[in-house]
């Protein structure tokens, strides 16, 4: 009776036309959403057909969760709740400035990746000695962040951020996704890469389980949206905090402490971005020398700082040498945080 009441209450809610304030006040479990009938269902059907074409009998359960996920050891796949409703997609875009999996292409990429996890759990592939020899041990601890080598040919490239380098499980999932993708031509694309051995192993092990039922047929659906009682407002508050340094506004408050925003009174002061770009090479050389960090990491940070200086229309009242000293100190502090914690910000809370 209680579940029927909840379903009736959900069906009476219409997100279309509802104010943003009211939507943010809703709990995730109150959202009137489902995969059935959405464009996501079509993407799921497409990747399931890809499994069938490979003669794999595995068909995982898909459910709405608070983010993309495949719970550890559970052969089920969670899809972000916001993807199945156009109003929630717009809210996600506004709140996070990005919608992960918001296009058919990226949604399919992420589904194939999660399928890699799910099939590994369903058939206990990660327990095989050969799997562990090629990818590493699945029991390796997940860190909050990871360091990657952008030019490494030991790993495939599927999702952005060189995600295969994060953890052995992610390495397998990314390799599986490349293997599963129709017309990926991985044999030619990776023929001169060490990653080809991983792809060949995936093909070998997938052939070995063709037409076989999974060892684990059912899984527990953790972080299911229909059971989460936190409001959307609290959901985004937590999410923004976690992804703070990925936001283009991450540097804004600190840069405003170093420089001034242009006004009529100070409009003749030199633009901050112009001043620091002039000494880009010297800044990169010195920060790299004293932190031991690679220049491409520092350069990405330097670029983001310059972009925000331009966007905020910042100027400097200091001498050129003092402005460079201040910004160099700021970039050095962030880089040292990254060296020792994997984060540019100084905490992980």
Protein backbone atom coordinates (compact mmCIF):
# COMPACT_ATOMS: atom_id res chain seq x y z
CA UNK A 1 0.00 0.00 0.00
CA UNK A 2 2.85 2.37 0.89
CA UNK A 3 4.58 1.83 -2.48
CA UNK A 4 1.30 2.39 -4.31
CA UNK A 5 0.84 5.68 -2.44
CA UNK A 6 4.36 6.81 -3.40
CA UNK A 7 3.72 5.92 -7.04
CA UNK A 8 0.46 7.92 -7.00
CA UNK A 9 2.23 10.91 -5.45
CA UNK A 10 5.00 10.73 -8.08
CA UNK A 11 2.51 10.54 -10.93
CA UNK A 12 0.87 13.73 -9.71
CA UNK A 13 4.14 15.66 -9.97
CA UNK A 14 4.99 17.39 -13.24
CA UNK A 15 8.50 18.83 -13.50
CA UNK A 16 7.67 20.73 -16.68
CA UNK A 17 6.73 24.26 -15.73
CA UNK A 18 7.70 23.78 -12.07
CA UNK A 19 9.93 26.48 -10.64
CA UNK A 20 13.58 25.66 -10.10
CA UNK A 21 13.18 26.35 -6.38
CA UNK A 22 10.42 23.75 -6.06
CA UNK A 23 12.34 21.17 -8.10
CA UNK A 24 15.41 21.64 -5.89
CA UNK A 25 13.17 21.07 -2.88
CA UNK A 26 12.12 17.63 -4.13
CA UNK A 27 13.78 14.50 -2.83
CA UNK A 28 15.33 12.21 -5.42
CA UNK A 29 12.89 9.49 -4.41
CA UNK A 30 10.00 11.84 -5.24
CA UNK A 31 11.03 12.49 -8.83
CA UNK A 32 8.51 11.17 -11.40
CA UNK A 33 11.14 9.51 -13.59
CA UNK A 34 11.84 6.14 -15.18
CA UNK A 35 14.08 4.66 -17.86
CA UNK A 36 11.17 3.13 -19.76
CA UNK A 37 10.08 5.38 -22.61
CA UNK A 38 13.12 7.65 -22.42
CA UNK A 39 15.86 8.14 -24.99
CA UNK A 40 18.22 6.37 -22.58
CA UNK A 41 16.19 3.19 -23.03
CA UNK A 42 17.05 3.27 -26.74
CA UNK A 43 20.76 3.59 -25.91
CA UNK A 44 20.52 0.66 -23.51
CA UNK A 45 18.81 -1.43 -26.18
CA UNK A 46 21.61 -0.55 -28.59
CA UNK A 47 24.45 -1.70 -26.33
CA UNK A 48 22.52 -4.85 -25.37
CA UNK A 49 22.25 -5.62 -29.07
CA UNK A 50 26.03 -5.20 -29.29
CA UNK A 51 26.39 -7.85 -26.58
CA UNK A 52 24.09 -10.17 -28.51
CA UNK A 53 26.10 -9.63 -31.68
CA UNK A 54 29.15 -10.82 -29.74
CA UNK A 55 27.16 -13.90 -28.67
CA UNK A 56 27.24 -12.92 -25.02
CA UNK A 57 24.22 -14.04 -22.99
CA UNK A 58 24.81 -11.49 -20.23
CA UNK A 59 22.01 -8.92 -19.87
CA UNK A 60 22.47 -6.69 -16.82
CA UNK A 61 19.71 -4.82 -15.01
CA UNK A 62 19.80 -1.06 -15.50
CA UNK A 63 18.39 1.34 -12.91
CA UNK A 64 18.35 5.06 -12.09
CA UNK A 65 21.04 6.12 -9.61
CA UNK A 66 22.57 9.39 -8.45
CA UNK A 67 25.46 9.00 -10.91
CA UNK A 68 27.03 6.61 -13.43
CA UNK A 69 28.09 3.51 -11.55
CA UNK A 70 28.43 -0.24 -11.37
CA UNK A 71 28.55 -1.24 -7.68
CA UNK A 72 31.56 -3.37 -6.80
CA UNK A 73 30.91 -7.08 -7.38
CA UNK A 74 27.34 -6.36 -8.54
CA UNK A 75 26.47 -7.05 -12.22
CA UNK A 76 24.02 -4.15 -12.45
CA UNK A 77 24.40 -0.67 -13.93
CA UNK A 78 23.26 2.63 -12.48
CA UNK A 79 22.35 5.44 -14.89
CA UNK A 80 22.16 9.06 -13.66
CA UNK A 81 18.58 10.03 -12.85
CA UNK A 82 18.76 13.37 -14.66
CA UNK A 83 19.24 11.81 -18.09
CA UNK A 84 15.66 10.58 -18.44
CA UNK A 85 13.94 13.97 -18.11
CA UNK A 86 14.55 17.09 -20.20
CA UNK A 87 13.89 19.44 -17.27
CA UNK A 88 16.42 17.61 -15.11
CA UNK A 89 18.96 17.63 -17.95
CA UNK A 90 18.67 21.44 -18.11
CA UNK A 91 19.04 21.66 -14.34
CA UNK A 92 22.15 19.46 -14.42
CA UNK A 93 23.64 21.66 -17.14
CA UNK A 94 22.97 24.80 -15.12
CA UNK A 95 24.27 23.39 -11.86
CA UNK A 96 27.32 21.48 -13.13
CA UNK A 97 27.97 23.23 -16.47
CA UNK A 98 28.05 19.79 -18.09
CA UNK A 99 25.78 16.77 -18.54
CA UNK A 100 27.79 13.56 -18.33
CA UNK A 101 26.32 11.22 -20.92
CA UNK A 102 23.96 13.90 -22.18
CA UNK A 103 24.39 13.05 -25.87
CA UNK A 104 23.77 9.73 -27.56
CA UNK A 105 27.48 9.33 -28.34
CA UNK A 106 28.68 9.93 -24.77
CA UNK A 107 25.81 7.93 -23.28
CA UNK A 108 26.77 4.91 -25.40
CA UNK A 109 30.43 5.34 -24.45
CA UNK A 110 29.59 5.34 -20.75
CA UNK A 111 27.19 2.40 -21.06
CA UNK A 112 29.88 0.32 -22.78
CA UNK A 113 32.34 1.26 -20.05
CA UNK A 114 29.93 0.24 -17.28
CA UNK A 115 29.18 -2.98 -19.14
CA UNK A 116 32.87 -3.78 -18.86
CA UNK A 117 32.61 -3.63 -15.08
CA UNK A 118 29.35 -5.56 -15.01
CA UNK A 119 30.53 -8.41 -17.24
CA UNK A 120 33.72 -8.73 -15.19
CA UNK A 121 31.65 -9.09 -12.02
CA UNK A 122 29.08 -11.38 -13.62
CA UNK A 123 31.67 -13.92 -14.78
CA UNK A 124 34.29 -13.29 -12.05
CA UNK A 125 36.80 -12.38 -14.74
CA UNK A 126 38.78 -10.17 -12.36
CA UNK A 127 39.63 -13.28 -10.32
CA UNK A 128 41.44 -14.95 -13.21
CA UNK A 129 45.23 -15.03 -12.94
CA UNK A 130 45.70 -13.97 -16.55
CA UNK A 131 43.36 -10.99 -16.01
CA UNK A 132 45.40 -9.95 -12.96
CA UNK A 133 48.68 -10.39 -14.81
CA UNK A 134 47.53 -8.16 -17.68
CA UNK A 135 45.53 -5.48 -15.83
CA UNK A 136 46.67 -5.77 -12.22
CA UNK A 137 44.78 -6.70 -9.09
CA UNK A 138 41.19 -5.55 -8.73
CA UNK A 139 41.75 -5.27 -4.97
CA UNK A 140 44.07 -2.28 -5.49
CA UNK A 141 42.79 0.71 -3.54
CA UNK A 142 40.87 3.39 -5.42
CA UNK A 143 42.32 6.85 -4.76
CA UNK A 144 40.23 10.01 -4.95
CA UNK A 145 42.27 11.13 -7.93
CA UNK A 146 44.89 9.62 -10.21
CA UNK A 147 48.01 10.66 -12.07
CA UNK A 148 48.21 9.77 -15.73
CA UNK A 149 50.72 9.73 -18.58
CA UNK A 150 49.01 11.31 -21.59
CA UNK A 151 51.33 9.75 -24.16
CA UNK A 152 51.32 6.21 -22.79
CA UNK A 153 50.49 3.46 -25.29
CA UNK A 154 49.95 0.88 -22.57
CA UNK A 155 46.29 1.90 -22.28
CA UNK A 156 43.39 2.37 -24.66
CA UNK A 157 41.66 5.73 -24.96
CA UNK A 158 37.90 5.64 -24.67
CA UNK A 159 36.55 8.07 -22.08
CA UNK A 160 38.14 11.47 -21.56
CA UNK A 161 40.80 11.96 -18.92
CA UNK A 162 42.89 8.87 -19.77
CA UNK A 163 40.54 6.98 -17.46
CA UNK A 164 42.06 3.56 -18.19
CA UNK A 165 45.08 4.62 -16.12
CA UNK A 166 43.02 5.14 -12.96
CA UNK A 167 42.74 1.55 -11.68
CA UNK A 168 42.97 -2.05 -13.00
CA UNK A 169 39.16 -2.32 -13.05
CA UNK A 170 38.92 0.88 -15.11
CA UNK A 171 41.66 -0.36 -17.43
CA UNK A 172 39.65 -3.50 -18.15
CA UNK A 173 36.35 -1.61 -18.50
CA UNK A 174 37.88 0.86 -20.95
CA UNK A 175 39.52 -1.94 -22.94
CA UNK A 176 36.23 -3.86 -23.05
CA UNK A 177 34.40 -0.72 -24.22
CA UNK A 178 36.82 -0.25 -27.13
CA UNK A 179 36.48 -3.93 -28.03
CA UNK A 180 32.65 -3.78 -27.88
CA UNK A 181 32.25 -0.58 -29.90
CA UNK A 182 31.05 -1.48 -33.42
CA UNK A 183 33.43 -0.56 -36.23
CA UNK A 184 36.13 0.59 -33.77
CA UNK A 185 38.83 -1.12 -35.91
CA UNK A 186 40.89 -1.59 -32.76
CA UNK A 187 43.20 -4.13 -34.39
CA UNK A 188 44.58 -1.45 -36.71
CA UNK A 189 44.20 1.53 -34.39
CA UNK A 190 46.23 -0.11 -31.60
CA UNK A 191 48.45 -2.46 -33.58
CA UNK A 192 51.68 -0.68 -32.58
CA UNK A 193 50.57 -0.12 -28.98
CA UNK A 194 51.26 -2.33 -25.97
CA UNK A 195 47.52 -1.97 -25.27
CA UNK A 196 46.86 -4.37 -28.16
CA UNK A 197 47.73 -7.27 -25.82
CA UNK A 198 44.93 -6.18 -23.51
CA UNK A 199 42.46 -5.96 -26.37
CA UNK A 200 43.49 -9.39 -27.64
CA UNK A 201 43.00 -10.81 -24.16
CA UNK A 202 39.51 -9.26 -23.93
CA UNK A 203 38.60 -10.84 -27.25
CA UNK A 204 39.98 -14.20 -26.07
CA UNK A 205 38.15 -14.17 -22.75
CA UNK A 206 34.88 -12.97 -24.32
CA UNK A 207 35.03 -15.86 -26.80
CA UNK A 208 35.54 -18.22 -23.87
CA UNK A 209 32.26 -17.14 -22.24
CA UNK A 210 30.13 -16.98 -25.39
CA UNK A 211 26.72 -18.61 -24.94
CA UNK A 212 27.50 -19.16 -21.24
CA UNK A 213 25.24 -18.02 -18.41
CA UNK A 214 26.82 -15.60 -15.93
CA UNK A 215 28.05 -16.92 -12.61
CA UNK A 216 26.34 -14.02 -10.81
CA UNK A 217 22.93 -13.38 -12.34
CA UNK A 218 21.46 -10.78 -9.97
CA UNK A 219 22.96 -7.79 -8.18
CA UNK A 220 22.09 -5.26 -5.50
CA UNK A 221 21.19 -1.80 -6.75
CA UNK A 222 23.05 0.61 -4.52
CA UNK A 223 22.38 4.38 -4.53
CA UNK A 224 19.08 3.84 -6.31
CA UNK A 225 17.44 7.22 -6.96
CA UNK A 226 14.01 5.92 -5.96
CA UNK A 227 15.34 5.24 -2.45
CA UNK A 228 17.43 8.37 -1.87
CA UNK A 229 15.81 10.85 0.47
CA UNK A 230 18.14 13.81 0.04
CA UNK A 231 16.78 16.82 -1.83
CA UNK A 232 18.09 17.91 -5.19
CA UNK A 233 19.38 21.05 -3.49
CA UNK A 234 21.56 18.99 -1.14
CA UNK A 235 22.50 16.62 -3.95
CA UNK A 236 23.96 19.47 -6.01
CA UNK A 237 25.54 21.11 -2.98
CA UNK A 238 27.47 17.90 -2.33
CA UNK A 239 28.27 17.34 -6.00
CA UNK A 240 29.54 20.88 -6.55
CA UNK A 241 31.80 20.58 -3.53
CA UNK A 242 33.31 17.35 -4.79
CA UNK A 243 33.84 18.68 -8.31
CA UNK A 244 34.83 22.19 -7.24
CA UNK A 245 38.21 22.27 -8.96
CA UNK A 246 36.67 21.12 -12.25
CA UNK A 247 34.50 24.24 -12.33
CA UNK A 248 35.73 27.20 -14.41
CA UNK A 249 34.94 29.39 -11.38
CA UNK A 250 37.30 27.47 -9.09
CA UNK A 251 39.98 30.20 -9.18
CA UNK A 252 37.70 33.25 -9.10
CA UNK A 253 37.79 34.23 -5.42
CA UNK A 254 41.56 33.77 -5.15
CA UNK A 255 42.26 35.71 -8.34
CA UNK A 256 40.11 38.59 -7.08
CA UNK A 257 42.36 38.72 -4.01
CA UNK A 258 45.45 38.98 -6.19
CA UNK A 259 44.11 41.37 -8.85
CA UNK A 260 41.37 43.99 -9.28
CA UNK A 261 38.30 43.89 -11.46
CA UNK A 262 38.29 46.60 -14.13
CA UNK A 263 36.27 49.74 -13.36
CA UNK A 264 36.11 53.22 -14.83
CA UNK A 265 38.61 54.37 -12.21
CA UNK A 266 41.26 51.72 -12.95
CA UNK A 267 40.60 51.04 -16.63
CA UNK A 268 44.10 52.21 -17.57
CA UNK A 269 45.77 49.56 -15.40
CA UNK A 270 47.32 46.69 -17.39
CA UNK A 271 45.23 43.52 -17.90
CA UNK A 272 46.34 40.76 -15.52
CA UNK A 273 46.18 38.05 -18.19
CA UNK A 274 48.44 40.00 -20.53
CA UNK A 275 51.03 40.52 -17.80
CA UNK A 276 51.27 36.89 -16.74
CA UNK A 277 51.12 35.40 -20.26
CA UNK A 278 54.22 37.43 -21.10
CA UNK A 279 56.16 35.35 -18.52
CA UNK A 280 54.50 31.98 -19.15
CA UNK A 281 57.73 30.12 -19.93
CA UNK A 282 59.55 31.46 -16.86
CA UNK A 283 56.60 30.61 -14.59
CA UNK A 284 56.35 27.07 -15.95
CA UNK A 285 60.10 26.51 -15.65
CA UNK A 286 60.32 27.75 -12.07
CA UNK A 287 57.17 26.05 -10.75
CA UNK A 288 58.25 22.79 -12.36
CA UNK A 289 61.77 23.07 -10.92
CA UNK A 290 60.63 23.71 -7.33
CA UNK A 291 57.64 21.33 -7.24
CA UNK A 292 59.02 18.53 -9.41
CA UNK A 293 55.74 18.44 -11.36
CA UNK A 294 55.59 17.95 -15.13
CA UNK A 295 55.12 21.08 -17.19
CA UNK A 296 52.01 19.88 -19.02
CA UNK A 297 50.14 19.67 -15.68
CA UNK A 298 51.28 23.16 -14.69
CA UNK A 299 50.51 24.51 -18.16
CA UNK A 300 46.88 23.30 -17.94
CA UNK A 301 46.57 25.09 -14.60
CA UNK A 302 48.26 28.21 -16.00
CA UNK A 303 45.85 28.23 -18.95
CA UNK A 304 42.80 28.00 -16.66
CA UNK A 305 44.09 30.89 -14.55
CA UNK A 306 44.60 33.07 -17.64
CA UNK A 307 41.13 32.26 -18.96
CA UNK A 308 39.53 33.28 -15.66
CA UNK A 309 41.58 36.49 -15.53
CA UNK A 310 40.17 37.39 -18.94
CA UNK A 311 36.62 36.32 -18.09
CA UNK A 312 36.65 38.37 -14.88
CA UNK A 313 38.26 41.33 -16.67
CA UNK A 314 41.02 41.57 -14.07
CA UNK A 315 43.74 44.22 -13.99
CA UNK A 316 46.82 44.61 -11.82
CA UNK A 317 47.81 47.64 -9.75
CA UNK A 318 51.18 46.10 -8.88
CA UNK A 319 54.41 46.37 -10.77
CA UNK A 320 54.91 43.68 -13.37
CA UNK A 321 57.46 41.86 -11.19
CA UNK A 322 55.14 41.86 -8.16
CA UNK A 323 52.21 40.59 -10.23
CA UNK A 324 54.33 37.71 -11.54
CA UNK A 325 55.55 36.92 -8.01
CA UNK A 326 51.97 36.72 -6.70
CA UNK A 327 50.62 34.55 -9.49
CA UNK A 328 53.70 32.31 -9.42
CA UNK A 329 53.19 31.78 -5.68
CA UNK A 330 49.52 30.94 -6.24
CA UNK A 331 50.26 28.43 -9.00
CA UNK A 332 53.08 26.89 -6.95
CA UNK A 333 50.79 26.42 -3.93
CA UNK A 334 48.12 24.69 -6.06
CA UNK A 335 50.71 22.51 -7.76
CA UNK A 336 52.15 21.37 -4.43
CA UNK A 337 48.65 20.45 -3.26
CA UNK A 338 48.33 18.35 -6.42
CA UNK A 339 51.74 16.71 -5.93
CA UNK A 340 50.94 15.56 -2.40
CA UNK A 341 47.17 14.96 -2.53
CA UNK A 342 46.19 14.61 -6.18
CA UNK A 343 43.92 17.67 -5.78
CA UNK A 344 44.60 21.30 -6.66
CA UNK A 345 42.49 22.43 -3.75
CA UNK A 346 43.95 21.86 -0.32
CA UNK A 347 41.32 19.45 1.02
CA UNK A 348 39.04 16.61 -0.10
CA UNK A 349 35.96 17.35 2.01
